[in-house]
Amino acid sequence: MNQNGSAAQQFKIFEQQEKESNRQVTGDWKWLIPPMSPATTHIYHQPIANIIKKPNYFYQKAPDNEMYLK
């Protein structure tokens, strides 16, 4: 668990690292802003593209257990 301000600062560092590597920062803005005083963070005042990039890790159906019982 992080405090809202420190999480926003960590995200700012992450953004800078991604920019230096010529990568776009994407995400769901609603999940990136802190719940308390979101307007006080840099994230609140900038648009963030909500794009799903592939390859990615996605949820998948659980494997069939019978295969492991044999």
PDB file of N, CA and C in Angstrom:
ATOM      1  N   MET A   1       0.835  -1.176   0.000  1.00  0.00           N
ATOM      2  CA  MET A   1       0.000   0.000   0.000  1.00  0.00           C
ATOM      3  C   MET A   1       0.884   1.246   0.000  1.00  0.00           C
ATOM      4  N   ASN A   2       0.472   2.191  -0.799  1.00  0.00           N
ATOM      5  CA  ASN A   2       1.177   3.469  -0.877  1.00  0.00           C
ATOM      6  C   ASN A   2       0.238   4.590  -0.517  1.00  0.00           C
ATOM      7  N   GLN A   3       0.822   5.662  -0.052  1.00  0.00           N
ATOM      8  CA  GLN A   3       0.024   6.866   0.123  1.00  0.00           C
ATOM      9  C   GLN A   3      -0.214   7.453  -1.255  1.00  0.00           C
ATOM     10  N   ASN A   4      -1.310   8.185  -1.395  1.00  0.00           N
ATOM     11  CA  ASN A   4      -1.676   8.719  -2.700  1.00  0.00           C
ATOM     12  C   ASN A   4      -0.564   9.545  -3.330  1.00  0.00           C
ATOM     13  N   GLY A   5       0.041  10.423  -2.567  1.00  0.00           N
ATOM     14  CA  GLY A   5       1.092  11.288  -3.100  1.00  0.00           C
ATOM     15  C   GLY A   5       2.314  10.523  -3.544  1.00  0.00           C
ATOM     16  N   SER A   6       2.729   9.533  -2.759  1.00  0.00           N
ATOM     17  CA  SER A   6       3.929   8.781  -3.125  1.00  0.00           C
ATOM     18  C   SER A   6       3.662   7.892  -4.335  1.00  0.00           C
ATOM     19  N   ALA A   7       2.460   7.356  -4.456  1.00  0.00           N
ATOM     20  CA  ALA A   7       2.125   6.549  -5.633  1.00  0.00           C
ATOM     21  C   ALA A   7       2.151   7.417  -6.885  1.00  0.00           C
ATOM     22  N   ALA A   8       1.652   8.647  -6.780  1.00  0.00           N
ATOM     23  CA  ALA A   8       1.668   9.561  -7.924  1.00  0.00           C
ATOM     24  C   ALA A   8       3.100   9.923  -8.302  1.00  0.00           C
ATOM     25  N   GLN A   9       3.963  10.102  -7.322  1.00  0.00           N
ATOM     26  CA  GLN A   9       5.366  10.414  -7.602  1.00  0.00           C
ATOM     27  C   GLN A   9       6.067   9.218  -8.261  1.00  0.00           C
ATOM     28  N   GLN A  10       5.771   8.023  -7.795  1.00  0.00           N
ATOM     29  CA  GLN A  10       6.339   6.822  -8.410  1.00  0.00           C
ATOM     30  C   GLN A  10       5.868   6.690  -9.857  1.00  0.00           C
ATOM     31  N   PHE A  11       4.607   7.018 -10.098  1.00  0.00           N
ATOM     32  CA  PHE A  11       4.079   6.944 -11.459  1.00  0.00           C
ATOM     33  C   PHE A  11       4.745   7.989 -12.348  1.00  0.00           C
ATOM     34  N   LYS A  12       5.053   9.146 -11.790  1.00  0.00           N
ATOM     35  CA  LYS A  12       5.747  10.191 -12.561  1.00  0.00           C
ATOM     36  C   LYS A  12       7.133   9.702 -12.993  1.00  0.00           C
ATOM     37  N   ILE A  13       7.847   9.036 -12.104  1.00  0.00           N
ATOM     38  CA  ILE A  13       9.160   8.476 -12.435  1.00  0.00           C
ATOM     39  C   ILE A  13       9.005   7.420 -13.531  1.00  0.00           C
ATOM     40  N   PHE A  14       7.991   6.571 -13.398  1.00  0.00           N
ATOM     41  CA  PHE A  14       7.719   5.564 -14.417  1.00  0.00           C
ATOM     42  C   PHE A  14       7.453   6.221 -15.772  1.00  0.00           C
ATOM     43  N   GLU A  15       6.662   7.287 -15.785  1.00  0.00           N
ATOM     44  CA  GLU A  15       6.378   8.010 -17.031  1.00  0.00           C
ATOM     45  C   GLU A  15       7.663   8.543 -17.663  1.00  0.00           C
ATOM     46  N   GLN A  16       8.541   9.101 -16.852  1.00  0.00           N
ATOM     47  CA  GLN A  16       9.796   9.639 -17.361  1.00  0.00           C
ATOM     48  C   GLN A  16      10.660   8.528 -17.972  1.00  0.00           C
ATOM     49  N   GLN A  17      10.715   7.383 -17.301  1.00  0.00           N
ATOM     50  CA  GLN A  17      11.493   6.252 -17.811  1.00  0.00           C
ATOM     51  C   GLN A  17      10.925   5.744 -19.134  1.00  0.00           C
ATOM     52  N   GLU A  18       9.616   5.692 -19.237  1.00  0.00           N
ATOM     53  CA  GLU A  18       8.986   5.241 -20.475  1.00  0.00           C
ATOM     54  C   GLU A  18       9.237   6.242 -21.603  1.00  0.00           C
ATOM     55  N   LYS A  19       9.189   7.526 -21.284  1.00  0.00           N
ATOM     56  CA  LYS A  19       9.442   8.547 -22.298  1.00  0.00           C
ATOM     57  C   LYS A  19      10.883   8.454 -22.804  1.00  0.00           C
ATOM     58  N   GLU A  20      11.831   8.236 -21.906  1.00  0.00           N
ATOM     59  CA  GLU A  20      13.240   8.088 -22.295  1.00  0.00           C
ATOM     60  C   GLU A  20      13.454   6.876 -23.201  1.00  0.00           C
ATOM     61  N   SER A  21      12.593   5.861 -23.045  1.00  0.00           N
ATOM     62  CA  SER A  21      12.695   4.652 -23.864  1.00  0.00           C
ATOM     63  C   SER A  21      11.786   4.714 -25.093  1.00  0.00           C
ATOM     64  N   ASN A  22      11.231   5.896 -25.353  1.00  0.00           N
ATOM     65  CA  ASN A  22      10.339   6.106 -26.504  1.00  0.00           C
ATOM     66  C   ASN A  22       9.124   5.188 -26.492  1.00  0.00           C
ATOM     67  N   ARG A  23       8.551   4.995 -25.297  1.00  0.00           N
ATOM     68  CA  ARG A  23       7.329   4.192 -25.172  1.00  0.00           C
ATOM     69  C   ARG A  23       6.205   5.068 -24.660  1.00  0.00           C
ATOM     70  N   GLN A  24       5.003   4.812 -25.147  1.00  0.00           N
ATOM     71  CA  GLN A  24       3.826   5.563 -24.731  1.00  0.00           C
ATOM     72  C   GLN A  24       3.277   4.967 -23.437  1.00  0.00           C
ATOM     73  N   VAL A  25       2.923   5.825 -22.499  1.00  0.00           N
ATOM     74  CA  VAL A  25       2.287   5.378 -21.263  1.00  0.00           C
ATOM     75  C   VAL A  25       0.788   5.291 -21.531  1.00  0.00           C
ATOM     76  N   THR A  26       0.229   4.129 -21.276  1.00  0.00           N
ATOM     77  CA  THR A  26      -1.206   3.930 -21.463  1.00  0.00           C
ATOM     78  C   THR A  26      -1.809   3.419 -20.167  1.00  0.00           C
ATOM     79  N   GLY A  27      -3.098   3.557 -20.043  1.00  0.00           N
ATOM     80  CA  GLY A  27      -3.764   3.042 -18.860  1.00  0.00           C
ATOM     81  C   GLY A  27      -5.145   3.630 -18.710  1.00  0.00           C
ATOM     82  N   ASP A  28      -5.884   3.096 -17.779  1.00  0.00           N
ATOM     83  CA  ASP A  28      -7.226   3.580 -17.479  1.00  0.00           C
ATOM     84  C   ASP A  28      -7.104   4.723 -16.482  1.00  0.00           C
ATOM     85  N   TRP A  29      -7.346   5.925 -16.948  1.00  0.00           N
ATOM     86  CA  TRP A  29      -7.162   7.138 -16.148  1.00  0.00           C
ATOM     87  C   TRP A  29      -7.894   7.042 -14.819  1.00  0.00           C
ATOM     88  N   LYS A  30      -9.096   6.449 -14.818  1.00  0.00           N
ATOM     89  CA  LYS A  30      -9.885   6.341 -13.581  1.00  0.00           C
ATOM     90  C   LYS A  30      -9.160   5.534 -12.511  1.00  0.00           C
ATOM     91  N   TRP A  31      -8.344   4.569 -12.932  1.00  0.00           N
ATOM     92  CA  TRP A  31      -7.614   3.730 -11.981  1.00  0.00           C
ATOM     93  C   TRP A  31      -6.261   4.329 -11.606  1.00  0.00           C
ATOM     94  N   LEU A  32      -5.769   5.251 -12.392  1.00  0.00           N
ATOM     95  CA  LEU A  32      -4.449   5.830 -12.124  1.00  0.00           C
ATOM     96  C   LEU A  32      -4.493   7.010 -11.170  1.00  0.00           C
ATOM     97  N   ILE A  33      -5.616   7.726 -11.135  1.00  0.00           N
ATOM     98  CA  ILE A  33      -5.690   8.874 -10.229  1.00  0.00           C
ATOM     99  C   ILE A  33      -6.005   8.389  -8.816  1.00  0.00           C
ATOM    100  N   PRO A  34      -5.474   9.052  -7.811  1.00  0.00           N
ATOM    101  CA  PRO A  34      -5.751   8.639  -6.432  1.00  0.00           C
ATOM    102  C   PRO A  34      -7.182   9.021  -6.035  1.00  0.00           C
ATOM    103  N   PRO A  35      -7.779   8.299  -5.095  1.00  0.00           N
ATOM    104  CA  PRO A  35      -9.153   8.583  -4.695  1.00  0.00           C
ATOM    105  C   PRO A  35      -9.297   9.877  -3.881  1.00  0.00           C
ATOM    106  N   MET A  36      -8.258  10.259  -3.161  1.00  0.00           N
ATOM    107  CA  MET A  36      -8.322  11.470  -2.338  1.00  0.00           C
ATOM    108  C   MET A  36      -7.506  12.583  -2.993  1.00  0.00           C
ATOM    109  N   SER A  37      -8.107  13.707  -3.217  1.00  0.00           N
ATOM    110  CA  SER A  37      -7.455  14.892  -3.796  1.00  0.00           C
ATOM    111  C   SER A  37      -6.758  14.594  -5.122  1.00  0.00           C
ATOM    112  N   PRO A  38      -7.458  14.013  -6.074  1.00  0.00           N
ATOM    113  CA  PRO A  38      -6.798  13.669  -7.332  1.00  0.00           C
ATOM    114  C   PRO A  38      -6.297  14.888  -8.114  1.00  0.00           C
ATOM    115  N   ALA A  39      -6.959  16.026  -7.953  1.00  0.00           N
ATOM    116  CA  ALA A  39      -6.568  17.220  -8.718  1.00  0.00           C
ATOM    117  C   ALA A  39      -5.218  17.781  -8.276  1.00  0.00           C
ATOM    118  N   THR A  40      -4.699  17.320  -7.156  1.00  0.00           N
ATOM    119  CA  THR A  40      -3.401  17.821  -6.685  1.00  0.00           C
ATOM    120  C   THR A  40      -2.229  17.061  -7.308  1.00  0.00           C
ATOM    121  N   THR A  41      -2.516  16.026  -8.091  1.00  0.00           N
ATOM    122  CA  THR A  41      -1.452  15.252  -8.718  1.00  0.00           C
ATOM    123  C   THR A  41      -1.307  15.635 -10.186  1.00  0.00           C
ATOM    124  N   HIS A  42      -0.148  15.373 -10.746  1.00  0.00           N
ATOM    125  CA  HIS A  42       0.098  15.692 -12.156  1.00  0.00           C
ATOM    126  C   HIS A  42      -0.729  14.803 -13.087  1.00  0.00           C
ATOM    127  N   ILE A  43      -1.106  13.641 -12.612  1.00  0.00           N
ATOM    128  CA  ILE A  43      -1.842  12.683 -13.444  1.00  0.00           C
ATOM    129  C   ILE A  43      -3.218  13.232 -13.808  1.00  0.00           C
ATOM    130  N   TYR A  44      -3.835  13.931 -12.886  1.00  0.00           N
ATOM    131  CA  TYR A  44      -5.208  14.412 -13.073  1.00  0.00           C
ATOM    132  C   TYR A  44      -5.333  15.328 -14.283  1.00  0.00           C
ATOM    133  N   HIS A  45      -4.316  16.113 -14.541  1.00  0.00           N
ATOM    134  CA  HIS A  45      -4.390  17.152 -15.563  1.00  0.00           C
ATOM    135  C   HIS A  45      -3.816  16.744 -16.917  1.00  0.00           C
ATOM    136  N   GLN A  46      -3.621  15.465 -17.133  1.00  0.00           N
ATOM    137  CA  GLN A  46      -3.093  15.049 -18.433  1.00  0.00           C
ATOM    138  C   GLN A  46      -3.902  13.887 -18.984  1.00  0.00           C
ATOM    139  N   PRO A  47      -4.061  13.866 -20.291  1.00  0.00           N
ATOM    140  CA  PRO A  47      -4.772  12.730 -20.887  1.00  0.00           C
ATOM    141  C   PRO A  47      -3.869  11.506 -20.960  1.00  0.00           C
ATOM    142  N   ILE A  48      -4.436  10.349 -20.717  1.00  0.00           N
ATOM    143  CA  ILE A  48      -3.700   9.091 -20.813  1.00  0.00           C
ATOM    144  C   ILE A  48      -4.533   8.164 -21.697  1.00  0.00           C
ATOM    145  N   ALA A  49      -3.925   7.657 -22.746  1.00  0.00           N
ATOM    146  CA  ALA A  49      -4.636   6.788 -23.680  1.00  0.00           C
ATOM    147  C   ALA A  49      -4.953   5.447 -23.030  1.00  0.00           C
ATOM    148  N   ASN A  50      -6.210   5.035 -23.131  1.00  0.00           N
ATOM    149  CA  ASN A  50      -6.637   3.749 -22.582  1.00  0.00           C
ATOM    150  C   ASN A  50      -6.600   2.727 -23.714  1.00  0.00           C
ATOM    151  N   ILE A  51      -5.398   2.233 -24.001  1.00  0.00           N
ATOM    152  CA  ILE A  51      -5.166   1.312 -25.098  1.00  0.00           C
ATOM    153  C   ILE A  51      -4.637  -0.008 -24.531  1.00  0.00           C
ATOM    154  N   ILE A  52      -5.178  -1.116 -25.018  1.00  0.00           N
ATOM    155  CA  ILE A  52      -4.667  -2.428 -24.620  1.00  0.00           C
ATOM    156  C   ILE A  52      -3.630  -2.839 -25.646  1.00  0.00           C
ATOM    157  N   LYS A  53      -2.407  -3.021 -25.193  1.00  0.00           N
ATOM    158  CA  LYS A  53      -1.318  -3.396 -26.095  1.00  0.00           C
ATOM    159  C   LYS A  53      -1.087  -4.902 -26.032  1.00  0.00           C
ATOM    160  N   LYS A  54      -0.672  -5.451 -27.156  1.00  0.00           N
ATOM    161  CA  LYS A  54      -0.379  -6.887 -27.239  1.00  0.00           C
ATOM    162  C   LYS A  54       1.010  -7.055 -27.797  1.00  0.00           C
ATOM    163  N   PRO A  55       1.778  -8.024 -27.360  1.00  0.00           N
ATOM    164  CA  PRO A  55       1.405  -9.091 -26.442  1.00  0.00           C
ATOM    165  C   PRO A  55       1.207  -8.561 -25.026  1.00  0.00           C
ATOM    166  N   ASN A  56       0.407  -9.286 -24.272  1.00  0.00           N
ATOM    167  CA  ASN A  56       0.038  -8.868 -22.934  1.00  0.00           C
ATOM    168  C   ASN A  56      -0.305 -10.114 -22.115  1.00  0.00           C
ATOM    169  N   TYR A  57      -0.444  -9.928 -20.832  1.00  0.00           N
ATOM    170  CA  TYR A  57      -0.907 -10.997 -19.961  1.00  0.00           C
ATOM    171  C   TYR A  57      -2.402 -10.810 -19.773  1.00  0.00           C
ATOM    172  N   PHE A  58      -3.169 -11.820 -20.158  1.00  0.00           N
ATOM    173  CA  PHE A  58      -4.615 -11.768 -20.032  1.00  0.00           C
ATOM    174  C   PHE A  58      -5.082 -12.914 -19.160  1.00  0.00           C
ATOM    175  N   TYR A  59      -6.257 -12.733 -18.533  1.00  0.00           N
ATOM    176  CA  TYR A  59      -6.851 -13.835 -17.787  1.00  0.00           C
ATOM    177  C   TYR A  59      -7.244 -14.918 -18.772  1.00  0.00           C
ATOM    178  N   GLN A  60      -7.113 -16.151 -18.338  1.00  0.00           N
ATOM    179  CA  GLN A  60      -7.511 -17.261 -19.192  1.00  0.00           C
ATOM    180  C   GLN A  60      -8.253 -18.298 -18.371  1.00  0.00           C
ATOM    181  N   LYS A  61      -8.948 -19.153 -19.064  1.00  0.00           N
ATOM    182  CA  LYS A  61      -9.698 -20.208 -18.410  1.00  0.00           C
ATOM    183  C   LYS A  61      -8.736 -21.121 -17.656  1.00  0.00           C
ATOM    184  N   ALA A  62      -9.155 -21.584 -16.482  1.00  0.00           N
ATOM    185  CA  ALA A  62      -8.330 -22.499 -15.689  1.00  0.00           C
ATOM    186  C   ALA A  62      -8.125 -23.800 -16.457  1.00  0.00           C
ATOM    187  N   PRO A  63      -6.959 -24.433 -16.338  1.00  0.00           N
ATOM    188  CA  PRO A  63      -6.710 -25.692 -17.053  1.00  0.00           C
ATOM    189  C   PRO A  63      -7.615 -26.801 -16.520  1.00  0.00           C
ATOM    190  N   ASP A  64      -7.859 -27.762 -17.372  1.00  0.00           N
ATOM    191  CA  ASP A  64      -8.689 -28.915 -17.002  1.00  0.00           C
ATOM    192  C   ASP A  64      -7.921 -29.750 -15.965  1.00  0.00           C
ATOM    193  N   ASN A  65      -8.496 -29.935 -14.806  1.00  0.00           N
ATOM    194  CA  ASN A  65      -7.812 -30.659 -13.720  1.00  0.00           C
ATOM    195  C   ASN A  65      -7.609 -32.130 -14.030  1.00  0.00           C
ATOM    196  N   GLU A  66      -8.461 -32.709 -14.876  1.00  0.00           N
ATOM    197  CA  GLU A  66      -8.326 -34.131 -15.197  1.00  0.00           C
ATOM    198  C   GLU A  66      -6.982 -34.417 -15.858  1.00  0.00           C
ATOM    199  N   MET A  67      -6.476 -33.467 -16.596  1.00  0.00           N
ATOM    200  CA  MET A  67      -5.201 -33.649 -17.268  1.00  0.00           C
ATOM    201  C   MET A  67      -4.081 -33.872 -16.239  1.00  0.00           C
ATOM    202  N   TYR A  68      -4.183 -33.245 -15.087  1.00  0.00           N
ATOM    203  CA  TYR A  68      -3.139 -33.338 -14.072  1.00  0.00           C
ATOM    204  C   TYR A  68      -3.317 -34.550 -13.152  1.00  0.00           C
ATOM    205  N   LEU A  69      -4.495 -35.161 -13.189  1.00  0.00           N
ATOM    206  CA  LEU A  69      -4.745 -36.307 -12.315  1.00  0.00           C
ATOM    207  C   LEU A  69      -4.261 -37.605 -12.913  1.00  0.00           C
ATOM    208  N   LYS A  70      -3.960 -37.647 -14.181  1.00  0.00           N
ATOM    209  CA  LYS A  70      -3.527 -38.882 -14.837  1.00  0.00           C
ATOM    210  C   LYS A  70      -2.096 -39.183 -14.568  1.00  0.00           C
TER     211      LYS A  70
END
